[in-house]
Amino acid sequence: MGGLNRPGRGTMENRIITYLKGLEENNNRDWYHAHKEEYREASEDFERLTGSLMMEIGKEDSSILHHEPRDLTFKLNRDTRFSNDKSPYNPAFRCHMGPQGKLPVPVGYFLFVSPGKSFLGGGLFADMFKDATDRIRDYISRHGEEFRAIIEAPEFQSNFKVEGTSLKNVPKPYEAEHPQAEFLKYKSWYIEFHFEDRMLDNEEDFVAYAAEKFLLMKPFNDFLNKALEGFVMPTR
């Protein structure tokens, strides 16, 4: 999956963040096609970074090791059909390292790199799968103490906060007085850890740092994946 910090490669800042800054400032097809070589170099670096992260996380979570890094990344192209923003590209490199690759279920480890907005993520970001939402709500309702123990653990609280799309009220049939009522309102459950662009300047240091944070997410991911057992992704 490629070595780290090979001489002559340049820093990741020059490859990934610099390219994305250019795309962010010139989000049009002419610029994109005129900078295909810079895109290729940045994309290769991101694939290598993904592979290195997989190997490091895989020392403790082997469920993510059965995929090629290039199969875990997402394209830059945006679907603008239903958006007022007609910018053709998303100036971000993204990957999801999960047991089923980049599919959102089972949940895994999400890397989002965009100038000034980069983060490490875990949990379920998608909120359009009603069956997945129902399964997680039901599991939290029946295993509230286990869920509370995970999200109130000192290391979890010092790094993460559970976020997600939420309803105004606790949906039926759950009781509004349930100890985890606030989380029963959710349609998605995810956590994020933001980091500065300069963290990517040294790939080896970043991989060690990011893998440590990702593995702190593992109990949260494991809980959601137990809730999601039997879920089948809808076919298109």
Foldseek 3Di string as FASTA:
>chain_A
DDDFPDPPLAFLCQQQAVVLVVCVVVLDPVVCVVPVVSVVSNVVVVLVLQVLLLVLLCVPPVLQVPDRSVQFKDAQADDCPPPPDPRGGNSKIKGFRGSVHNPPPLWAWIWIDHAPFTKIKTWHADLPDQVLLVLLLVLCLVPVVLLCCLCVPPVNVVFWDWDADFDPFQDPPDDRPRPVSRCSRGSTTMIIGDDHPCLRRGSVSNSVVSSVVRVSCVSVSVSSNVSCPPPDDDDD
